[in-house]
Amino acid sequence: MRTILASDAKTHFLRLLDDVARGETIVITRHGRRIARIVPDSEEETYAEQARQAMETIRAIRKRVKPISLAQILADKNEGRM
């Protein structure tokens, strides 16, 4: 991951886009603070794939676990309170 000043990013934006297209992540700073990150599009697809896999896992768990009634949830919540 490379860090670049906002003023330099403005000057060299097209070259930065080429670097990102080749897989590099670039962080843009202003006055020493991180303000933006340019990431390759393939990383965004990775996040989408992770979300899809998480949803598949949740669906699989829901198939294995039997439904529970509201009355049972409330009874379990209050168990041991007296």
PDB file of N, CA and C in Angstrom:
ATOM      1  N   MET A   1       0.861  -1.158   0.000  1.00  0.00           N
ATOM      2  CA  MET A   1       0.000   0.000   0.000  1.00  0.00           C
ATOM      3  C   MET A   1       0.912   1.227   0.000  1.00  0.00           C
ATOM      4  N   ARG A   2       0.643   2.129  -0.911  1.00  0.00           N
ATOM      5  CA  ARG A   2       1.447   3.336  -1.056  1.00  0.00           C
ATOM      6  C   ARG A   2       0.642   4.528  -0.569  1.00  0.00           C
ATOM      7  N   THR A   3       1.336   5.491   0.059  1.00  0.00           N
ATOM      8  CA  THR A   3       0.710   6.712   0.541  1.00  0.00           C
ATOM      9  C   THR A   3       1.192   7.876  -0.304  1.00  0.00           C
ATOM     10  N   ILE A   4       0.264   8.775  -0.639  1.00  0.00           N
ATOM     11  CA  ILE A   4       0.597   9.921  -1.479  1.00  0.00           C
ATOM     12  C   ILE A   4      -0.167  11.142  -0.989  1.00  0.00           C
ATOM     13  N   LEU A   5       0.462  12.309  -1.090  1.00  0.00           N
ATOM     14  CA  LEU A   5      -0.182  13.560  -0.704  1.00  0.00           C
ATOM     15  C   LEU A   5      -1.308  13.884  -1.685  1.00  0.00           C
ATOM     16  N   ALA A   6      -2.342  14.550  -1.208  1.00  0.00           N
ATOM     17  CA  ALA A   6      -3.475  14.908  -2.057  1.00  0.00           C
ATOM     18  C   ALA A   6      -3.035  15.781  -3.231  1.00  0.00           C
ATOM     19  N   SER A   7      -2.115  16.692  -2.995  1.00  0.00           N
ATOM     20  CA  SER A   7      -1.650  17.562  -4.087  1.00  0.00           C
ATOM     21  C   SER A   7      -0.938  16.758  -5.168  1.00  0.00           C
ATOM     22  N   ASP A   8      -0.141  15.750  -4.761  1.00  0.00           N
ATOM     23  CA  ASP A   8       0.519  14.888  -5.743  1.00  0.00           C
ATOM     24  C   ASP A   8      -0.492  13.984  -6.452  1.00  0.00           C
ATOM     25  N   ALA A   9      -1.500  13.538  -5.718  1.00  0.00           N
ATOM     26  CA  ALA A   9      -2.528  12.687  -6.323  1.00  0.00           C
ATOM     27  C   ALA A   9      -3.262  13.450  -7.417  1.00  0.00           C
ATOM     28  N   LYS A  10      -3.534  14.727  -7.162  1.00  0.00           N
ATOM     29  CA  LYS A  10      -4.216  15.556  -8.151  1.00  0.00           C
ATOM     30  C   LYS A  10      -3.365  15.679  -9.414  1.00  0.00           C
ATOM     31  N   THR A  11      -2.075  15.863  -9.226  1.00  0.00           N
ATOM     32  CA  THR A  11      -1.174  16.036 -10.360  1.00  0.00           C
ATOM     33  C   THR A  11      -1.003  14.754 -11.166  1.00  0.00           C
ATOM     34  N   HIS A  12      -0.973  13.612 -10.471  1.00  0.00           N
ATOM     35  CA  HIS A  12      -0.638  12.335 -11.117  1.00  0.00           C
ATOM     36  C   HIS A  12      -1.805  11.352 -11.115  1.00  0.00           C
ATOM     37  N   PHE A  13      -3.032  11.848 -11.141  1.00  0.00           N
ATOM     38  CA  PHE A  13      -4.199  10.989 -10.965  1.00  0.00           C
ATOM     39  C   PHE A  13      -4.274   9.852 -11.983  1.00  0.00           C
ATOM     40  N   LEU A  14      -4.066  10.141 -13.251  1.00  0.00           N
ATOM     41  CA  LEU A  14      -4.173   9.084 -14.260  1.00  0.00           C
ATOM     42  C   LEU A  14      -3.118   7.996 -14.053  1.00  0.00           C
ATOM     43  N   ARG A  15      -1.920   8.399 -13.659  1.00  0.00           N
ATOM     44  CA  ARG A  15      -0.884   7.404 -13.385  1.00  0.00           C
ATOM     45  C   ARG A  15      -1.272   6.563 -12.159  1.00  0.00           C
ATOM     46  N   LEU A  16      -1.869   7.194 -11.162  1.00  0.00           N
ATOM     47  CA  LEU A  16      -2.335   6.454  -9.983  1.00  0.00           C
ATOM     48  C   LEU A  16      -3.395   5.428 -10.376  1.00  0.00           C
ATOM     49  N   LEU A  17      -4.305   5.809 -11.256  1.00  0.00           N
ATOM     50  CA  LEU A  17      -5.332   4.874 -11.704  1.00  0.00           C
ATOM     51  C   LEU A  17      -4.700   3.673 -12.410  1.00  0.00           C
ATOM     52  N   ASP A  18      -3.655   3.914 -13.188  1.00  0.00           N
ATOM     53  CA  ASP A  18      -2.946   2.804 -13.827  1.00  0.00           C
ATOM     54  C   ASP A  18      -2.347   1.872 -12.787  1.00  0.00           C
ATOM     55  N   ASP A  19      -1.749   2.449 -11.728  1.00  0.00           N
ATOM     56  CA  ASP A  19      -1.162   1.630 -10.661  1.00  0.00           C
ATOM     57  C   ASP A  19      -2.236   0.811  -9.944  1.00  0.00           C
ATOM     58  N   VAL A  20      -3.369   1.423  -9.703  1.00  0.00           N
ATOM     59  CA  VAL A  20      -4.477   0.718  -9.045  1.00  0.00           C
ATOM     60  C   VAL A  20      -4.990  -0.403  -9.942  1.00  0.00           C
ATOM     61  N   ALA A  21      -5.062  -0.146 -11.230  1.00  0.00           N
ATOM     62  CA  ALA A  21      -5.520  -1.173 -12.169  1.00  0.00           C
ATOM     63  C   ALA A  21      -4.581  -2.376 -12.161  1.00  0.00           C
ATOM     64  N   ARG A  22      -3.315  -2.151 -11.826  1.00  0.00           N
ATOM     65  CA  ARG A  22      -2.347  -3.255 -11.737  1.00  0.00           C
ATOM     66  C   ARG A  22      -2.377  -3.933 -10.367  1.00  0.00           C
ATOM     67  N   GLY A  23      -3.281  -3.487  -9.477  1.00  0.00           N
ATOM     68  CA  GLY A  23      -3.460  -4.185  -8.209  1.00  0.00           C
ATOM     69  C   GLY A  23      -2.954  -3.452  -6.987  1.00  0.00           C
ATOM     70  N   GLU A  24      -2.401  -2.262  -7.145  1.00  0.00           N
ATOM     71  CA  GLU A  24      -1.864  -1.530  -6.001  1.00  0.00           C
ATOM     72  C   GLU A  24      -2.970  -0.758  -5.300  1.00  0.00           C
ATOM     73  N   THR A  25      -2.883  -0.658  -3.979  1.00  0.00           N
ATOM     74  CA  THR A  25      -3.793   0.162  -3.194  1.00  0.00           C
ATOM     75  C   THR A  25      -3.062   1.450  -2.828  1.00  0.00           C
ATOM     76  N   ILE A  26      -3.737   2.577  -2.975  1.00  0.00           N
ATOM     77  CA  ILE A  26      -3.104   3.871  -2.724  1.00  0.00           C
ATOM     78  C   ILE A  26      -3.919   4.634  -1.686  1.00  0.00           C
ATOM     79  N   VAL A  27      -3.213   5.161  -0.680  1.00  0.00           N
ATOM     80  CA  VAL A  27      -3.837   5.969   0.363  1.00  0.00           C
ATOM     81  C   VAL A  27      -3.466   7.425   0.087  1.00  0.00           C
ATOM     82  N   ILE A  28      -4.468   8.291   0.114  1.00  0.00           N
ATOM     83  CA  ILE A  28      -4.250   9.721  -0.124  1.00  0.00           C
ATOM     84  C   ILE A  28      -4.353  10.448   1.215  1.00  0.00           C
ATOM     85  N   THR A  29      -3.357  11.303   1.470  1.00  0.00           N
ATOM     86  CA  THR A  29      -3.334  12.046   2.729  1.00  0.00           C
ATOM     87  C   THR A  29      -3.406  13.541   2.461  1.00  0.00           C
ATOM     88  N   ARG A  30      -3.943  14.248   3.446  1.00  0.00           N
ATOM     89  CA  ARG A  30      -3.964  15.710   3.410  1.00  0.00           C
ATOM     90  C   ARG A  30      -3.573  16.191   4.802  1.00  0.00           C
ATOM     91  N   HIS A  31      -2.535  17.003   4.865  1.00  0.00           N
ATOM     92  CA  HIS A  31      -2.032  17.530   6.134  1.00  0.00           C
ATOM     93  C   HIS A  31      -1.715  16.402   7.114  1.00  0.00           C
ATOM     94  N   GLY A  32      -1.169  15.311   6.592  1.00  0.00           N
ATOM     95  CA  GLY A  32      -0.752  14.193   7.445  1.00  0.00           C
ATOM     96  C   GLY A  32      -1.862  13.238   7.856  1.00  0.00           C
ATOM     97  N   ARG A  33      -3.091  13.501   7.450  1.00  0.00           N
ATOM     98  CA  ARG A  33      -4.215  12.620   7.819  1.00  0.00           C
ATOM     99  C   ARG A  33      -4.679  11.839   6.605  1.00  0.00           C
ATOM    100  N   ARG A  34      -4.992  10.569   6.821  1.00  0.00           N
ATOM    101  CA  ARG A  34      -5.522   9.734   5.741  1.00  0.00           C
ATOM    102  C   ARG A  34      -6.937  10.204   5.424  1.00  0.00           C
ATOM    103  N   ILE A  35      -7.197  10.472   4.126  1.00  0.00           N
ATOM    104  CA  ILE A  35      -8.530  10.942   3.763  1.00  0.00           C
ATOM    105  C   ILE A  35      -9.219  10.050   2.742  1.00  0.00           C
ATOM    106  N   ALA A  36      -8.445   9.236   2.030  1.00  0.00           N
ATOM    107  CA  ALA A  36      -9.067   8.381   1.015  1.00  0.00           C
ATOM    108  C   ALA A  36      -8.159   7.206   0.714  1.00  0.00           C
ATOM    109  N   ARG A  37      -8.791   6.161   0.166  1.00  0.00           N
ATOM    110  CA  ARG A  37      -8.042   4.995  -0.277  1.00  0.00           C
ATOM    111  C   ARG A  37      -8.609   4.572  -1.623  1.00  0.00           C
ATOM    112  N   ILE A  38      -7.720   4.378  -2.578  1.00  0.00           N
ATOM    113  CA  ILE A  38      -8.124   3.890  -3.896  1.00  0.00           C
ATOM    114  C   ILE A  38      -7.699   2.433  -3.965  1.00  0.00           C
ATOM    115  N   VAL A  39      -8.663   1.544  -4.180  1.00  0.00           N
ATOM    116  CA  VAL A  39      -8.383   0.107  -4.205  1.00  0.00           C
ATOM    117  C   VAL A  39      -8.784  -0.479  -5.545  1.00  0.00           C
ATOM    118  N   PRO A  40      -8.115  -1.532  -5.954  1.00  0.00           N
ATOM    119  CA  PRO A  40      -8.500  -2.193  -7.205  1.00  0.00           C
ATOM    120  C   PRO A  40      -9.916  -2.744  -7.100  1.00  0.00           C
ATOM    121  N   ASP A  41     -10.605  -2.768  -8.203  1.00  0.00           N
ATOM    122  CA  ASP A  41     -11.975  -3.261  -8.238  1.00  0.00           C
ATOM    123  C   ASP A  41     -12.052  -4.719  -7.807  1.00  0.00           C
ATOM    124  N   SER A  42     -11.032  -5.495  -8.052  1.00  0.00           N
ATOM    125  CA  SER A  42     -11.056  -6.910  -7.681  1.00  0.00           C
ATOM    126  C   SER A  42     -11.186  -7.096  -6.174  1.00  0.00           C
ATOM    127  N   GLU A  43     -10.678  -6.159  -5.369  1.00  0.00           N
ATOM    128  CA  GLU A  43     -10.849  -6.263  -3.920  1.00  0.00           C
ATOM    129  C   GLU A  43     -12.307  -6.111  -3.547  1.00  0.00           C
ATOM    130  N   GLU A  44     -13.025  -5.239  -4.235  1.00  0.00           N
ATOM    131  CA  GLU A  44     -14.447  -5.078  -3.956  1.00  0.00           C
ATOM    132  C   GLU A  44     -15.192  -6.365  -4.271  1.00  0.00           C
ATOM    133  N   GLU A  45     -14.796  -7.048  -5.336  1.00  0.00           N
ATOM    134  CA  GLU A  45     -15.424  -8.324  -5.664  1.00  0.00           C
ATOM    135  C   GLU A  45     -15.145  -9.349  -4.572  1.00  0.00           C
ATOM    136  N   THR A  46     -13.966  -9.277  -3.975  1.00  0.00           N
ATOM    137  CA  THR A  46     -13.622 -10.186  -2.881  1.00  0.00           C
ATOM    138  C   THR A  46     -14.569  -9.959  -1.710  1.00  0.00           C
ATOM    139  N   TYR A  47     -14.860  -8.685  -1.386  1.00  0.00           N
ATOM    140  CA  TYR A  47     -15.788  -8.393  -0.301  1.00  0.00           C
ATOM    141  C   TYR A  47     -17.176  -8.927  -0.613  1.00  0.00           C
ATOM    142  N   ALA A  48     -17.603  -8.782  -1.857  1.00  0.00           N
ATOM    143  CA  ALA A  48     -18.908  -9.300  -2.256  1.00  0.00           C
ATOM    144  C   ALA A  48     -18.941 -10.817  -2.122  1.00  0.00           C
ATOM    145  N   GLU A  49     -17.859 -11.474  -2.478  1.00  0.00           N
ATOM    146  CA  GLU A  49     -17.783 -12.935  -2.350  1.00  0.00           C
ATOM    147  C   GLU A  49     -17.829 -13.343  -0.877  1.00  0.00           C
ATOM    148  N   GLN A  50     -17.138 -12.601  -0.015  1.00  0.00           N
ATOM    149  CA  GLN A  50     -17.176 -12.908   1.417  1.00  0.00           C
ATOM    150  C   GLN A  50     -18.586 -12.742   1.971  1.00  0.00           C
ATOM    151  N   ALA A  51     -19.286 -11.713   1.540  1.00  0.00           N
ATOM    152  CA  ALA A  51     -20.662 -11.501   1.996  1.00  0.00           C
ATOM    153  C   ALA A  51     -21.561 -12.636   1.523  1.00  0.00           C
ATOM    154  N   ARG A  52     -21.374 -13.068   0.276  1.00  0.00           N
ATOM    155  CA  ARG A  52     -22.175 -14.168  -0.266  1.00  0.00           C
ATOM    156  C   ARG A  52     -21.934 -15.445   0.544  1.00  0.00           C
ATOM    157  N   GLN A  53     -20.671 -15.733   0.854  1.00  0.00           N
ATOM    158  CA  GLN A  53     -20.348 -16.923   1.632  1.00  0.00           C
ATOM    159  C   GLN A  53     -20.925 -16.839   3.038  1.00  0.00           C
ATOM    160  N   ALA A  54     -20.901 -15.657   3.638  1.00  0.00           N
ATOM    161  CA  ALA A  54     -21.471 -15.480   4.974  1.00  0.00           C
ATOM    162  C   ALA A  54     -22.969 -15.759   4.954  1.00  0.00           C
ATOM    163  N   MET A  55     -23.653 -15.282   3.929  1.00  0.00           N
ATOM    164  CA  MET A  55     -25.092 -15.528   3.822  1.00  0.00           C
ATOM    165  C   MET A  55     -25.381 -17.014   3.632  1.00  0.00           C
ATOM    166  N   GLU A  56     -24.570 -17.703   2.851  1.00  0.00           N
ATOM    167  CA  GLU A  56     -24.748 -19.153   2.680  1.00  0.00           C
ATOM    168  C   GLU A  56     -24.575 -19.874   4.010  1.00  0.00           C
ATOM    169  N   THR A  57     -23.595 -19.458   4.790  1.00  0.00           N
ATOM    170  CA  THR A  57     -23.365 -20.068   6.101  1.00  0.00           C
ATOM    171  C   THR A  57     -24.549 -19.836   7.023  1.00  0.00           C
ATOM    172  N   ILE A  58     -25.066 -18.615   7.035  1.00  0.00           N
ATOM    173  CA  ILE A  58     -26.237 -18.297   7.869  1.00  0.00           C
ATOM    174  C   ILE A  58     -27.434 -19.144   7.460  1.00  0.00           C
ATOM    175  N   ARG A  59     -27.655 -19.284   6.161  1.00  0.00           N
ATOM    176  CA  ARG A  59     -28.783 -20.109   5.696  1.00  0.00           C
ATOM    177  C   ARG A  59     -28.611 -21.569   6.107  1.00  0.00           C
ATOM    178  N   ALA A  60     -27.386 -22.082   6.039  1.00  0.00           N
ATOM    179  CA  ALA A  60     -27.126 -23.473   6.433  1.00  0.00           C
ATOM    180  C   ALA A  60     -27.390 -23.666   7.917  1.00  0.00           C
ATOM    181  N   ILE A  61     -26.982 -22.712   8.728  1.00  0.00           N
ATOM    182  CA  ILE A  61     -27.221 -22.803  10.179  1.00  0.00           C
ATOM    183  C   ILE A  61     -28.714 -22.760  10.459  1.00  0.00           C
ATOM    184  N   ARG A  62     -29.432 -21.885   9.767  1.00  0.00           N
ATOM    185  CA  ARG A  62     -30.872 -21.775   9.984  1.00  0.00           C
ATOM    186  C   ARG A  62     -31.596 -23.062   9.626  1.00  0.00           C
ATOM    187  N   LYS A  63     -31.087 -23.816   8.654  1.00  0.00           N
ATOM    188  CA  LYS A  63     -31.699 -25.093   8.297  1.00  0.00           C
ATOM    189  C   LYS A  63     -31.479 -26.137   9.388  1.00  0.00           C
ATOM    190  N   ARG A  64     -30.336 -26.076  10.086  1.00  0.00           N
ATOM    191  CA  ARG A  64     -30.012 -27.064  11.115  1.00  0.00           C
ATOM    192  C   ARG A  64     -30.684 -26.777  12.447  1.00  0.00           C
ATOM    193  N   VAL A  65     -30.959 -25.523  12.730  1.00  0.00           N
ATOM    194  CA  VAL A  65     -31.496 -25.130  14.030  1.00  0.00           C
ATOM    195  C   VAL A  65     -33.009 -25.035  13.933  1.00  0.00           C
ATOM    196  N   LYS A  66     -33.685 -25.661  14.894  1.00  0.00           N
ATOM    197  CA  LYS A  66     -35.152 -25.625  14.863  1.00  0.00           C
ATOM    198  C   LYS A  66     -35.644 -24.260  15.336  1.00  0.00           C
ATOM    199  N   PRO A  67     -36.785 -23.831  14.838  1.00  0.00           N
ATOM    200  CA  PRO A  67     -37.346 -22.533  15.256  1.00  0.00           C
ATOM    201  C   PRO A  67     -37.677 -22.540  16.743  1.00  0.00           C
ATOM    202  N   ILE A  68     -37.631 -21.370  17.349  1.00  0.00           N
ATOM    203  CA  ILE A  68     -37.952 -21.242  18.766  1.00  0.00           C
ATOM    204  C   ILE A  68     -39.037 -20.169  18.905  1.00  0.00           C
ATOM    205  N   SER A  69     -39.971 -20.422  19.802  1.00  0.00           N
ATOM    206  CA  SER A  69     -41.094 -19.493  19.964  1.00  0.00           C
ATOM    207  C   SER A  69     -40.691 -18.314  20.843  1.00  0.00           C
ATOM    208  N   LEU A  70     -41.465 -17.244  20.733  1.00  0.00           N
ATOM    209  CA  LEU A  70     -41.236 -16.077  21.565  1.00  0.00           C
ATOM    210  C   LEU A  70     -41.403 -16.432  23.038  1.00  0.00           C
ATOM    211  N   ALA A  71     -42.376 -17.279  23.334  1.00  0.00           N
ATOM    212  CA  ALA A  71     -42.603 -17.693  24.728  1.00  0.00           C
ATOM    213  C   ALA A  71     -41.367 -18.393  25.283  1.00  0.00           C
ATOM    214  N   GLN A  72     -40.732 -19.243  24.471  1.00  0.00           N
ATOM    215  CA  GLN A  72     -39.533 -19.943  24.925  1.00  0.00           C
ATOM    216  C   GLN A  72     -38.374 -18.979  25.127  1.00  0.00           C
ATOM    217  N   ILE A  73     -38.234 -18.010  24.242  1.00  0.00           N
ATOM    218  CA  ILE A  73     -37.173 -17.006  24.383  1.00  0.00           C
ATOM    219  C   ILE A  73     -37.350 -16.237  25.680  1.00  0.00           C
ATOM    220  N   LEU A  74     -38.593 -15.806  25.960  1.00  0.00           N
ATOM    221  CA  LEU A  74     -38.854 -15.050  27.185  1.00  0.00           C
ATOM    222  C   LEU A  74     -38.645 -15.918  28.425  1.00  0.00           C
ATOM    223  N   ALA A  75     -39.033 -17.184  28.357  1.00  0.00           N
ATOM    224  CA  ALA A  75     -38.831 -18.080  29.490  1.00  0.00           C
ATOM    225  C   ALA A  75     -37.337 -18.274  29.758  1.00  0.00           C
ATOM    226  N   ASP A  76     -36.555 -18.458  28.698  1.00  0.00           N
ATOM    227  CA  ASP A  76     -35.112 -18.632  28.859  1.00  0.00           C
ATOM    228  C   ASP A  76     -34.469 -17.353  29.394  1.00  0.00           C
ATOM    229  N   LYS A  77     -34.959 -16.204  28.948  1.00  0.00           N
ATOM    230  CA  LYS A  77     -34.417 -14.928  29.397  1.00  0.00           C
ATOM    231  C   LYS A  77     -34.637 -14.748  30.907  1.00  0.00           C
ATOM    232  N   ASN A  78     -35.782 -15.153  31.358  1.00  0.00           N
ATOM    233  CA  ASN A  78     -36.127 -14.946  32.761  1.00  0.00           C
ATOM    234  C   ASN A  78     -35.681 -16.085  33.666  1.00  0.00           C
ATOM    235  N   GLU A  79     -35.168 -17.161  33.110  1.00  0.00           N
ATOM    236  CA  GLU A  79     -34.735 -18.294  33.912  1.00  0.00           C
ATOM    237  C   GLU A  79     -33.614 -17.857  34.858  1.00  0.00           C
ATOM    238  N   GLY A  80     -33.751 -18.210  36.109  1.00  0.00           N
ATOM    239  CA  GLY A  80     -32.737 -17.881  37.101  1.00  0.00           C
ATOM    240  C   GLY A  80     -32.914 -16.519  37.750  1.00  0.00           C
ATOM    241  N   ARG A  81     -33.889 -15.770  37.288  1.00  0.00           N
ATOM    242  CA  ARG A  81     -34.165 -14.462  37.912  1.00  0.00           C
ATOM    243  C   ARG A  81     -35.253 -14.639  38.956  1.00  0.00           C
ATOM    244  N   MET A  82     -34.994 -14.337  40.140  1.00  0.00           N
ATOM    245  CA  MET A  82     -36.007 -14.408  41.195  1.00  0.00           C
ATOM    246  C   MET A  82     -35.594 -13.570  42.339  1.00  0.00           C
TER     247      MET A  82
END
